Amino acid sequence: LAFLRFYFVSAADLLDILSNGNEPEKVMRHLTKLFDSMSKLKLTEERGVTTKIATAMWAKDGEFMQFPSSCDLNGQVEVWLNRLLEKQCETVRHHLTEAVAAYEDKARDQWIMDFPAQVALTGSQIWWTVEVCAAFAKLEEGYENALKDYFRKQVAQLNALIVHLLGDLSPGDRQKIMTICT
């Protein structure tokens, strides 16, 4: 079993990763070279000693995402890095499922603030597709103003996001909203 992303790191980095493979804390400095936007992991502690169990990840921009279940970092480095890759995908899927399900529970501009950027952006695109399809279905049923009504809804949602941009936001939240607006 191999970790295919090893082919894309320098020989010096690969040697460092392999020689420190049993120490996830030392391998963590290489995460940005192995994973898109993962910079560090939250490891559990037992009686003041750091374990090889990860419970969350941080992105390069500092955004935090809790794993739905812990990730075991024991064993050969290529094995636990593959587990970590699977856990990263599982985590994004988990949070995206939660976000899509929660979309209609509150105003979109408030909903966006409840989720990490990737999840909020993807969830927004999913719901935009659902709502555009619904508008076209209404149009086919004879409701002539369906697209105009949806356009007005989109403008109102965009204006609400712009109001958020004028307020006090963290750099990450500001970037998230600007990305969704554009």
N, C-alpha and C. Protein backbone atom coordinates (compact mmCIF):
# COMPACT_ATOMS: atom_id res chain seq x y z
N LEU A 1 0.85 -1.18 0.00
CA LEU A 1 0.00 0.00 0.00
C LEU A 1 0.89 1.23 0.00
N ALA A 2 0.62 2.16 -0.90
CA ALA A 2 1.43 3.37 -1.00
C ALA A 2 0.55 4.59 -0.83
N PHE A 3 1.18 5.68 -0.50
CA PHE A 3 0.50 6.96 -0.44
C PHE A 3 0.94 7.73 -1.68
N LEU A 4 0.07 7.80 -2.67
CA LEU A 4 0.45 8.31 -3.99
C LEU A 4 0.96 9.75 -3.98
N ARG A 5 0.55 10.53 -3.01
CA ARG A 5 0.98 11.93 -2.96
C ARG A 5 2.47 12.06 -2.62
N PHE A 6 3.10 10.98 -2.22
CA PHE A 6 4.54 11.01 -1.99
C PHE A 6 5.29 11.33 -3.28
N TYR A 7 4.71 11.01 -4.43
CA TYR A 7 5.37 11.28 -5.71
C TYR A 7 5.51 12.78 -5.98
N PHE A 8 4.79 13.61 -5.26
CA PHE A 8 4.76 15.04 -5.54
C PHE A 8 5.51 15.88 -4.50
N VAL A 9 6.25 15.24 -3.62
CA VAL A 9 7.06 15.98 -2.65
C VAL A 9 8.53 15.77 -2.98
N SER A 10 9.35 16.67 -2.51
CA SER A 10 10.79 16.57 -2.77
C SER A 10 11.37 15.36 -2.05
N ALA A 11 12.54 14.95 -2.50
CA ALA A 11 13.22 13.80 -1.89
C ALA A 11 13.53 14.09 -0.42
N ALA A 12 13.95 15.31 -0.12
CA ALA A 12 14.28 15.68 1.26
C ALA A 12 13.04 15.61 2.15
N ASP A 13 11.91 16.13 1.64
CA ASP A 13 10.66 16.08 2.41
C ASP A 13 10.21 14.64 2.60
N LEU A 14 10.29 13.84 1.55
CA LEU A 14 9.88 12.44 1.64
C LEU A 14 10.72 11.69 2.67
N LEU A 15 12.02 11.93 2.65
CA LEU A 15 12.90 11.28 3.61
C LEU A 15 12.54 11.68 5.04
N ASP A 16 12.25 12.96 5.24
CA ASP A 16 11.86 13.44 6.57
C ASP A 16 10.53 12.82 7.01
N ILE A 17 9.58 12.75 6.09
CA ILE A 17 8.27 12.15 6.41
C ILE A 17 8.43 10.68 6.78
N LEU A 18 9.18 9.94 5.97
CA LEU A 18 9.34 8.51 6.22
C LEU A 18 10.14 8.24 7.50
N SER A 19 11.15 9.05 7.76
CA SER A 19 11.96 8.82 8.96
C SER A 19 11.23 9.21 10.24
N ASN A 20 10.24 10.09 10.14
CA ASN A 20 9.46 10.51 11.31
C ASN A 20 8.03 9.99 11.26
N GLY A 21 7.79 8.98 10.46
CA GLY A 21 6.44 8.47 10.23
C GLY A 21 5.69 8.02 11.46
N ASN A 22 6.41 7.60 12.49
CA ASN A 22 5.76 7.16 13.73
C ASN A 22 5.45 8.32 14.67
N GLU A 23 5.81 9.53 14.25
CA GLU A 23 5.58 10.71 15.08
C GLU A 23 4.75 11.73 14.29
N PRO A 24 3.43 11.61 14.34
CA PRO A 24 2.56 12.50 13.57
C PRO A 24 2.83 13.99 13.79
N GLU A 25 3.25 14.36 15.00
CA GLU A 25 3.53 15.77 15.26
C GLU A 25 4.67 16.29 14.38
N LYS A 26 5.65 15.44 14.09
CA LYS A 26 6.77 15.85 13.24
C LYS A 26 6.37 15.82 11.76
N VAL A 27 5.49 14.92 11.39
CA VAL A 27 5.03 14.83 10.00
C VAL A 27 4.09 16.00 9.67
N MET A 28 3.44 16.55 10.71
CA MET A 28 2.46 17.63 10.51
C MET A 28 3.02 18.81 9.74
N ARG A 29 4.31 19.10 9.88
CA ARG A 29 4.89 20.25 9.18
C ARG A 29 4.85 20.07 7.66
N HIS A 30 4.61 18.83 7.21
CA HIS A 30 4.56 18.54 5.78
C HIS A 30 3.13 18.42 5.24
N LEU A 31 2.14 18.59 6.09
CA LEU A 31 0.75 18.38 5.65
C LEU A 31 0.36 19.28 4.48
N THR A 32 0.85 20.53 4.47
CA THR A 32 0.48 21.44 3.37
C THR A 32 1.05 20.97 2.04
N LYS A 33 2.08 20.15 2.07
CA LYS A 33 2.66 19.62 0.84
C LYS A 33 1.93 18.36 0.38
N LEU A 34 1.20 17.74 1.30
CA LEU A 34 0.52 16.47 1.00
C LEU A 34 -0.98 16.61 0.78
N PHE A 35 -1.57 17.64 1.40
CA PHE A 35 -3.02 17.83 1.35
C PHE A 35 -3.33 19.26 0.94
N ASP A 36 -4.36 19.41 0.15
CA ASP A 36 -4.78 20.75 -0.24
C ASP A 36 -5.42 21.45 0.95
N SER A 37 -4.77 22.46 1.44
CA SER A 37 -5.27 23.34 2.49
C SER A 37 -5.37 22.71 3.88
N MET A 38 -4.69 21.63 4.15
CA MET A 38 -4.64 21.11 5.53
C MET A 38 -3.27 21.47 6.09
N SER A 39 -3.28 22.21 7.20
CA SER A 39 -1.99 22.62 7.75
C SER A 39 -1.62 21.93 9.05
N LYS A 40 -2.60 21.58 9.86
CA LYS A 40 -2.28 20.86 11.10
C LYS A 40 -3.49 20.09 11.59
N LEU A 41 -3.23 19.22 12.55
CA LEU A 41 -4.26 18.36 13.12
C LEU A 41 -4.39 18.63 14.60
N LYS A 42 -5.58 18.40 15.11
CA LYS A 42 -5.79 18.46 16.56
C LYS A 42 -5.64 17.03 17.08
N LEU A 43 -4.63 16.82 17.90
CA LEU A 43 -4.38 15.50 18.47
C LEU A 43 -4.91 15.47 19.90
N THR A 44 -5.41 14.32 20.30
CA THR A 44 -5.93 14.19 21.67
C THR A 44 -4.78 14.04 22.65
N GLU A 45 -5.10 14.29 23.90
CA GLU A 45 -4.12 14.11 24.97
C GLU A 45 -4.71 13.22 26.05
N GLU A 46 -3.87 12.36 26.58
CA GLU A 46 -4.25 11.51 27.71
C GLU A 46 -3.21 11.71 28.81
N ARG A 47 -3.67 12.21 29.94
CA ARG A 47 -2.80 12.47 31.09
C ARG A 47 -1.59 13.30 30.69
N GLY A 48 -1.82 14.35 29.90
CA GLY A 48 -0.76 15.26 29.51
C GLY A 48 0.14 14.78 28.40
N VAL A 49 -0.13 13.61 27.84
CA VAL A 49 0.68 13.07 26.76
C VAL A 49 -0.13 13.09 25.47
N THR A 50 0.46 13.64 24.42
CA THR A 50 -0.22 13.70 23.13
C THR A 50 -0.30 12.30 22.53
N THR A 51 -1.49 11.95 22.05
CA THR A 51 -1.69 10.63 21.45
C THR A 51 -1.58 10.71 19.93
N LYS A 52 -1.74 9.58 19.29
CA LYS A 52 -1.73 9.52 17.82
C LYS A 52 -3.16 9.41 17.30
N ILE A 53 -4.05 10.16 17.92
CA ILE A 53 -5.45 10.18 17.52
C ILE A 53 -5.81 11.62 17.16
N ALA A 54 -6.21 11.84 15.91
CA ALA A 54 -6.60 13.18 15.45
C ALA A 54 -8.11 13.33 15.52
N THR A 55 -8.57 14.49 15.96
CA THR A 55 -10.01 14.74 16.08
C THR A 55 -10.49 15.91 15.23
N ALA A 56 -9.56 16.64 14.63
CA ALA A 56 -9.95 17.80 13.81
C ALA A 56 -8.76 18.23 12.96
N MET A 57 -9.04 19.13 12.03
CA MET A 57 -7.98 19.67 11.17
C MET A 57 -8.14 21.17 11.03
N TRP A 58 -7.03 21.84 10.75
CA TRP A 58 -7.03 23.26 10.45
C TRP A 58 -6.56 23.45 9.02
N ALA A 59 -7.17 24.39 8.33
CA ALA A 59 -6.74 24.75 6.98
C ALA A 59 -5.59 25.75 7.07
N LYS A 60 -4.95 26.02 5.95
CA LYS A 60 -3.86 26.99 5.90
C LYS A 60 -4.31 28.36 6.38
N ASP A 61 -5.56 28.70 6.11
CA ASP A 61 -6.07 30.02 6.50
C ASP A 61 -6.57 30.05 7.94
N GLY A 62 -6.41 28.96 8.67
CA GLY A 62 -6.80 28.91 10.07
C GLY A 62 -8.20 28.38 10.32
N GLU A 63 -8.93 28.06 9.27
CA GLU A 63 -10.29 27.54 9.44
C GLU A 63 -10.22 26.15 10.07
N PHE A 64 -11.09 25.90 11.04
CA PHE A 64 -11.10 24.68 11.84
C PHE A 64 -12.26 23.80 11.41
N MET A 65 -12.02 22.49 11.31
CA MET A 65 -13.09 21.56 10.98
C MET A 65 -12.94 20.30 11.83
N GLN A 66 -13.96 20.04 12.64
CA GLN A 66 -13.99 18.87 13.52
C GLN A 66 -14.28 17.62 12.69
N PHE A 67 -13.56 16.53 12.95
CA PHE A 67 -13.85 15.25 12.31
C PHE A 67 -15.13 14.67 12.91
N PRO A 68 -15.96 13.99 12.11
CA PRO A 68 -17.16 13.35 12.68
C PRO A 68 -16.79 12.21 13.64
N SER A 69 -15.64 11.59 13.42
CA SER A 69 -15.10 10.58 14.33
C SER A 69 -13.58 10.70 14.27
N SER A 70 -12.91 10.17 15.26
CA SER A 70 -11.46 10.34 15.34
C SER A 70 -10.74 9.55 14.25
N CYS A 71 -9.50 9.94 14.01
CA CYS A 71 -8.66 9.29 12.99
C CYS A 71 -7.40 8.75 13.67
N ASP A 72 -7.18 7.46 13.52
CA ASP A 72 -6.02 6.79 14.12
C ASP A 72 -4.78 7.04 13.27
N LEU A 73 -3.74 7.59 13.87
CA LEU A 73 -2.51 7.89 13.16
C LEU A 73 -1.39 6.91 13.53
N ASN A 74 -1.76 5.73 13.97
CA ASN A 74 -0.78 4.69 14.32
C ASN A 74 -0.44 3.86 13.09
N GLY A 75 0.73 3.26 13.10
CA GLY A 75 1.14 2.38 12.02
C GLY A 75 2.09 3.06 11.06
N GLN A 76 2.27 2.43 9.91
CA GLN A 76 3.16 2.99 8.89
C GLN A 76 2.60 4.32 8.40
N VAL A 77 3.50 5.25 8.12
CA VAL A 77 3.08 6.60 7.76
C VAL A 77 2.19 6.61 6.52
N GLU A 78 2.49 5.78 5.52
CA GLU A 78 1.67 5.77 4.31
C GLU A 78 0.27 5.24 4.59
N VAL A 79 0.15 4.35 5.57
CA VAL A 79 -1.15 3.80 5.94
C VAL A 79 -1.99 4.85 6.65
N TRP A 80 -1.39 5.52 7.65
CA TRP A 80 -2.20 6.50 8.38
C TRP A 80 -2.45 7.77 7.56
N LEU A 81 -1.56 8.10 6.63
CA LEU A 81 -1.84 9.24 5.75
C LEU A 81 -3.01 8.92 4.81
N ASN A 82 -3.11 7.67 4.35
CA ASN A 82 -4.28 7.27 3.56
C ASN A 82 -5.55 7.34 4.40
N ARG A 83 -5.46 6.92 5.67
CA ARG A 83 -6.62 7.04 6.56
C ARG A 83 -7.00 8.50 6.75
N LEU A 84 -5.99 9.35 6.88
CA LEU A 84 -6.24 10.79 7.06
C LEU A 84 -6.89 11.38 5.81
N LEU A 85 -6.45 10.97 4.64
CA LEU A 85 -7.07 11.42 3.39
C LEU A 85 -8.54 11.02 3.33
N GLU A 86 -8.82 9.77 3.69
CA GLU A 86 -10.22 9.31 3.73
C GLU A 86 -11.02 10.09 4.76
N LYS A 87 -10.41 10.38 5.90
CA LYS A 87 -11.10 11.13 6.96
C LYS A 87 -11.38 12.56 6.51
N GLN A 88 -10.45 13.17 5.78
CA GLN A 88 -10.66 14.52 5.26
C GLN A 88 -11.88 14.54 4.34
N CYS A 89 -11.96 13.60 3.42
CA CYS A 89 -13.11 13.52 2.50
C CYS A 89 -14.40 13.24 3.26
N GLU A 90 -14.35 12.30 4.20
CA GLU A 90 -15.53 11.97 5.01
C GLU A 90 -16.01 13.19 5.79
N THR A 91 -15.08 13.97 6.31
CA THR A 91 -15.43 15.14 7.12
C THR A 91 -16.12 16.20 6.27
N VAL A 92 -15.59 16.47 5.09
CA VAL A 92 -16.23 17.46 4.22
C VAL A 92 -17.61 16.98 3.81
N ARG A 93 -17.74 15.70 3.45
CA ARG A 93 -19.05 15.14 3.10
C ARG A 93 -20.03 15.26 4.26
N HIS A 94 -19.57 14.94 5.46
CA HIS A 94 -20.41 15.01 6.66
C HIS A 94 -20.93 16.43 6.89
N HIS A 95 -20.02 17.40 6.87
CA HIS A 95 -20.42 18.79 7.12
C HIS A 95 -21.28 19.33 5.97
N LEU A 96 -21.01 18.90 4.74
CA LEU A 96 -21.82 19.32 3.61
C LEU A 96 -23.24 18.78 3.72
N THR A 97 -23.37 17.53 4.13
CA THR A 97 -24.70 16.93 4.34
C THR A 97 -25.48 17.71 5.39
N GLU A 98 -24.80 18.05 6.50
CA GLU A 98 -25.45 18.85 7.54
C GLU A 98 -25.86 20.22 7.02
N ALA A 99 -24.98 20.85 6.25
CA ALA A 99 -25.25 22.19 5.73
C ALA A 99 -26.44 22.20 4.77
N VAL A 100 -26.47 21.25 3.86
CA VAL A 100 -27.56 21.19 2.88
C VAL A 100 -28.89 20.95 3.60
N ALA A 101 -28.87 20.09 4.62
CA ALA A 101 -30.09 19.81 5.38
C ALA A 101 -30.55 21.02 6.18
N ALA A 102 -29.62 21.86 6.63
CA ALA A 102 -29.96 23.01 7.48
C ALA A 102 -30.25 24.28 6.70
N TYR A 103 -30.11 24.26 5.39
CA TYR A 103 -30.20 25.47 4.57
C TYR A 103 -31.50 26.24 4.76
N GLU A 104 -32.60 25.54 4.83
CA GLU A 104 -33.91 26.21 4.90
C GLU A 104 -34.30 26.62 6.32
N ASP A 105 -33.45 26.31 7.29
CA ASP A 105 -33.78 26.60 8.69
C ASP A 105 -33.60 28.07 9.07
N LYS A 106 -32.78 28.80 8.33
CA LYS A 106 -32.55 30.22 8.64
C LYS A 106 -32.17 30.96 7.37
N ALA A 107 -32.08 32.27 7.47
CA ALA A 107 -31.71 33.10 6.31
C ALA A 107 -30.34 32.68 5.79
N ARG A 108 -30.16 32.76 4.48
CA ARG A 108 -28.93 32.29 3.86
C ARG A 108 -27.70 32.99 4.42
N ASP A 109 -27.78 34.30 4.64
CA ASP A 109 -26.62 35.02 5.14
C ASP A 109 -26.23 34.57 6.55
N GLN A 110 -27.20 34.10 7.33
CA GLN A 110 -26.90 33.55 8.65
C GLN A 110 -26.40 32.10 8.53
N TRP A 111 -27.00 31.35 7.63
CA TRP A 111 -26.62 29.95 7.40
C TRP A 111 -25.15 29.85 6.99
N ILE A 112 -24.71 30.73 6.13
CA ILE A 112 -23.33 30.72 5.63
C ILE A 112 -22.33 30.81 6.77
N MET A 113 -22.67 31.58 7.80
CA MET A 113 -21.75 31.79 8.91
C MET A 113 -21.62 30.55 9.81
N ASP A 114 -22.53 29.60 9.67
CA ASP A 114 -22.52 28.41 10.52
C ASP A 114 -21.59 27.30 10.01
N PHE A 115 -21.03 27.46 8.81
CA PHE A 115 -20.28 26.37 8.20
C PHE A 115 -18.95 26.86 7.64
N PRO A 116 -17.97 25.94 7.53
CA PRO A 116 -16.69 26.30 6.92
C PRO A 116 -16.88 26.75 5.47
N ALA A 117 -15.91 27.47 4.95
CA ALA A 117 -16.02 28.10 3.63
C ALA A 117 -16.33 27.10 2.52
N GLN A 118 -15.57 26.02 2.42
CA GLN A 118 -15.80 25.05 1.34
C GLN A 118 -17.20 24.48 1.41
N VAL A 119 -17.66 24.19 2.61
CA VAL A 119 -18.99 23.62 2.81
C VAL A 119 -20.06 24.65 2.47
N ALA A 120 -19.89 25.89 2.92
CA ALA A 120 -20.88 26.94 2.64
C ALA A 120 -20.95 27.24 1.14
N LEU A 121 -19.80 27.30 0.48
CA LEU A 121 -19.79 27.58 -0.95
C LEU A 121 -20.43 26.45 -1.74
N THR A 122 -20.07 25.22 -1.45
CA THR A 122 -20.64 24.07 -2.16
C THR A 122 -22.13 23.93 -1.86
N GLY A 123 -22.51 24.10 -0.59
CA GLY A 123 -23.92 24.04 -0.21
C GLY A 123 -24.74 25.12 -0.91
N SER A 124 -24.17 26.32 -1.03
CA SER A 124 -24.85 27.40 -1.75
C SER A 124 -25.07 27.04 -3.20
N GLN A 125 -24.08 26.43 -3.82
CA GLN A 125 -24.20 26.03 -5.22
C GLN A 125 -25.24 24.92 -5.40
N ILE A 126 -25.29 24.00 -4.45
CA ILE A 126 -26.30 22.93 -4.51
C ILE A 126 -27.69 23.54 -4.43
N TRP A 127 -27.90 24.42 -3.43
CA TRP A 127 -29.22 25.02 -3.27
C TRP A 127 -29.58 25.96 -4.41
N TRP A 128 -28.60 26.65 -4.99
CA TRP A 128 -28.88 27.49 -6.15
C TRP A 128 -29.41 26.62 -7.29
N THR A 129 -28.78 25.47 -7.51
CA THR A 129 -29.23 24.55 -8.56
C THR A 129 -30.64 24.06 -8.29
N VAL A 130 -30.92 23.66 -7.05
CA VAL A 130 -32.26 23.19 -6.68
C VAL A 130 -33.29 24.29 -6.93
N GLU A 131 -32.97 25.51 -6.50
CA GLU A 131 -33.94 26.61 -6.62
C GLU A 131 -34.14 27.05 -8.07
N VAL A 132 -33.09 27.03 -8.88
CA VAL A 132 -33.24 27.37 -10.30
C VAL A 132 -34.10 26.30 -11.00
N CYS A 133 -33.85 25.04 -10.69
CA CYS A 133 -34.68 23.96 -11.28
C CYS A 133 -36.14 24.11 -10.86
N ALA A 134 -36.37 24.49 -9.60
CA ALA A 134 -37.74 24.71 -9.13
C ALA A 134 -38.38 25.88 -9.86
N ALA A 135 -37.61 26.93 -10.11
CA ALA A 135 -38.15 28.09 -10.84
C ALA A 135 -38.50 27.69 -12.28
N PHE A 136 -37.66 26.90 -12.92
CA PHE A 136 -37.97 26.43 -14.27
C PHE A 136 -39.21 25.53 -14.27
N ALA A 137 -39.34 24.70 -13.25
CA ALA A 137 -40.52 23.83 -13.15
C ALA A 137 -41.79 24.67 -13.01
N LYS A 138 -41.73 25.73 -12.21
CA LYS A 138 -42.88 26.63 -12.06
C LYS A 138 -43.19 27.33 -13.38
N LEU A 139 -42.15 27.69 -14.11
CA LEU A 139 -42.32 28.33 -15.41
C LEU A 139 -43.03 27.39 -16.38
N GLU A 140 -42.64 26.12 -16.37
CA GLU A 140 -43.27 25.13 -17.24
C GLU A 140 -44.73 24.89 -16.86
N GLU A 141 -45.04 25.09 -15.57
CA GLU A 141 -46.42 24.92 -15.09
C GLU A 141 -47.29 26.13 -15.41
N GLY A 142 -46.68 27.15 -16.01
CA GLY A 142 -47.46 28.32 -16.40
C GLY A 142 -47.28 29.55 -15.54
N TYR A 143 -46.46 29.48 -14.50
CA TYR A 143 -46.23 30.64 -13.65
C TYR A 143 -45.17 31.50 -14.33
N GLU A 144 -45.60 32.56 -15.02
CA GLU A 144 -44.73 33.35 -15.88
C GLU A 144 -43.67 34.16 -15.13
N ASN A 145 -43.91 34.47 -13.88
CA ASN A 145 -42.96 35.29 -13.12
C ASN A 145 -41.98 34.47 -12.28
N ALA A 146 -41.92 33.18 -12.51
CA ALA A 146 -41.08 32.31 -11.68
C ALA A 146 -39.62 32.75 -11.68
N LEU A 147 -39.06 33.00 -12.85
CA LEU A 147 -37.65 33.40 -12.91
C LEU A 147 -37.44 34.81 -12.38
N LYS A 148 -38.39 35.70 -12.63
CA LYS A 148 -38.28 37.06 -12.09
C LYS A 148 -38.35 37.04 -10.58
N ASP A 149 -39.21 36.21 -10.02
CA ASP A 149 -39.31 36.09 -8.56
C ASP A 149 -38.01 35.53 -7.98
N TYR A 150 -37.46 34.54 -8.65
CA TYR A 150 -36.21 33.96 -8.14
C TYR A 150 -35.07 34.97 -8.26
N PHE A 151 -35.07 35.74 -9.33
CA PHE A 151 -34.07 36.79 -9.48
C PHE A 151 -34.14 37.78 -8.32
N ARG A 152 -35.35 38.18 -7.95
CA ARG A 152 -35.52 39.11 -6.83
C ARG A 152 -35.01 38.48 -5.52
N LYS A 153 -35.29 37.20 -5.35
CA LYS A 153 -34.80 36.50 -4.15
C LYS A 153 -33.28 36.50 -4.12
N GLN A 154 -32.66 36.23 -5.27
CA GLN A 154 -31.20 36.22 -5.34
C GLN A 154 -30.61 37.60 -5.04
N VAL A 155 -31.22 38.64 -5.57
CA VAL A 155 -30.75 40.01 -5.31
C VAL A 155 -30.87 40.33 -3.83
N ALA A 156 -31.97 39.94 -3.21
CA ALA A 156 -32.16 40.18 -1.77
C ALA A 156 -31.09 39.42 -0.96
N GLN A 157 -30.81 38.17 -1.34
CA GLN A 157 -29.78 37.40 -0.63
C GLN A 157 -28.40 38.02 -0.82
N LEU A 158 -28.12 38.49 -2.02
CA LEU A 158 -26.84 39.14 -2.29
C LEU A 158 -26.71 40.43 -1.48
N ASN A 159 -27.77 41.21 -1.41
CA ASN A 159 -27.74 42.44 -0.61
C ASN A 159 -27.51 42.15 0.87
N ALA A 160 -28.11 41.07 1.38
CA ALA A 160 -27.90 40.69 2.78
C ALA A 160 -26.43 40.32 3.02
N LEU A 161 -25.82 39.65 2.06
CA LEU A 161 -24.40 39.30 2.20
C LEU A 161 -23.52 40.55 2.15
N ILE A 162 -23.89 41.50 1.31
CA ILE A 162 -23.13 42.75 1.22
C ILE A 162 -23.21 43.51 2.54
N VAL A 163 -24.37 43.49 3.19
CA VAL A 163 -24.50 44.12 4.50
C VAL A 163 -23.54 43.47 5.49
N HIS A 164 -23.42 42.14 5.43
CA HIS A 164 -22.46 41.44 6.29
C HIS A 164 -21.03 41.91 6.01
N LEU A 165 -20.71 42.09 4.74
CA LEU A 165 -19.36 42.53 4.38
C LEU A 165 -19.03 43.89 4.96
N LEU A 166 -20.03 44.73 5.15
CA LEU A 166 -19.81 46.06 5.71
C LEU A 166 -19.60 46.02 7.22
N GLY A 167 -19.91 44.88 7.83
CA GLY A 167 -19.77 44.73 9.28
C GLY A 167 -18.39 44.24 9.68
N ASP A 168 -18.26 43.89 10.94
CA ASP A 168 -17.00 43.41 11.50
C ASP A 168 -16.91 41.90 11.31
N LEU A 169 -16.01 41.45 10.46
CA LEU A 169 -15.85 40.02 10.16
C LEU A 169 -14.39 39.61 10.31
N SER A 170 -14.19 38.35 10.61
CA SER A 170 -12.83 37.82 10.59
C SER A 170 -12.37 37.76 9.13
N PRO A 171 -11.07 37.76 8.89
CA PRO A 171 -10.59 37.67 7.50
C PRO A 171 -11.14 36.44 6.77
N GLY A 172 -11.24 35.31 7.47
CA GLY A 172 -11.77 34.10 6.85
C GLY A 172 -13.23 34.23 6.46
N ASP A 173 -14.05 34.80 7.36
CA ASP A 173 -15.47 34.99 7.05
C ASP A 173 -15.65 36.01 5.93
N ARG A 174 -14.83 37.05 5.93
CA ARG A 174 -14.91 38.05 4.86
C ARG A 174 -14.60 37.41 3.51
N GLN A 175 -13.53 36.60 3.47
CA GLN A 175 -13.16 35.92 2.23
C GLN A 175 -14.25 34.95 1.78
N LYS A 176 -14.85 34.24 2.74
CA LYS A 176 -15.92 33.29 2.43
C LYS A 176 -17.09 34.01 1.77
N ILE A 177 -17.53 35.11 2.36
CA ILE A 177 -18.67 35.85 1.82
C ILE A 177 -18.33 36.47 0.47
N MET A 178 -17.11 37.01 0.34
CA MET A 178 -16.72 37.60 -0.94
C MET A 178 -16.69 36.53 -2.04
N THR A 179 -16.24 35.34 -1.71
CA THR A 179 -16.21 34.25 -2.69
C THR A 179 -17.62 33.87 -3.10
N ILE A 180 -18.53 33.80 -2.15
CA ILE A 180 -19.91 33.44 -2.46
C ILE A 180 -20.57 34.54 -3.29
N CYS A 181 -20.25 35.79 -3.00
CA CYS A 181 -20.84 36.91 -3.75
C CYS A 181 -20.35 36.96 -5.19
N THR A 182 -19.15 36.53 -5.42
CA THR A 182 -18.60 36.63 -6.77
C THR A 182 -18.68 35.28 -7.45
